[in-house]
């Protein structure tokens, strides 16, 4: 006899990394699902322009879809992620060296990486090249 376990979604998985989906040109926004508030409402530790902060999960979500991009495999891993995330509260934001993706990547892996930053920089460089090639630099006849 075999049993099939069905897991029903009941809300954000604590210690996980989630990514809130956005439409271009706004980048997607990742964060770490944090320790719930006393009323049970889940929180999110995330990096925004004013620095690393804890916010109510649903306030950050703003009705956007989200997806799990990493889930801890043990309570020890979850606690290590929490410790690292909460140790960064108040740290300043920098789009090139301390953005939301780099924060989450560092918390989980120890390496601050941001694939979205590379994409946006690439699009910016391409735009400048095209701008220069087509003579849109403001030259007059």
Foldseek 3Di string as FASTA:
>chain_A
DDDDDDDDDDDDAALFKKWFDDDPPDHIFIWGFHDADPVRFIWTFFQDQQFTDIGGPCVVNVVTDMDTPGDDPDPVLSVQLRVLSVVGPRPHDDLVQRHGQQSNCCSNPVGRDDPVSVVVVVVVVVVVVVCVVVVVPPDDD
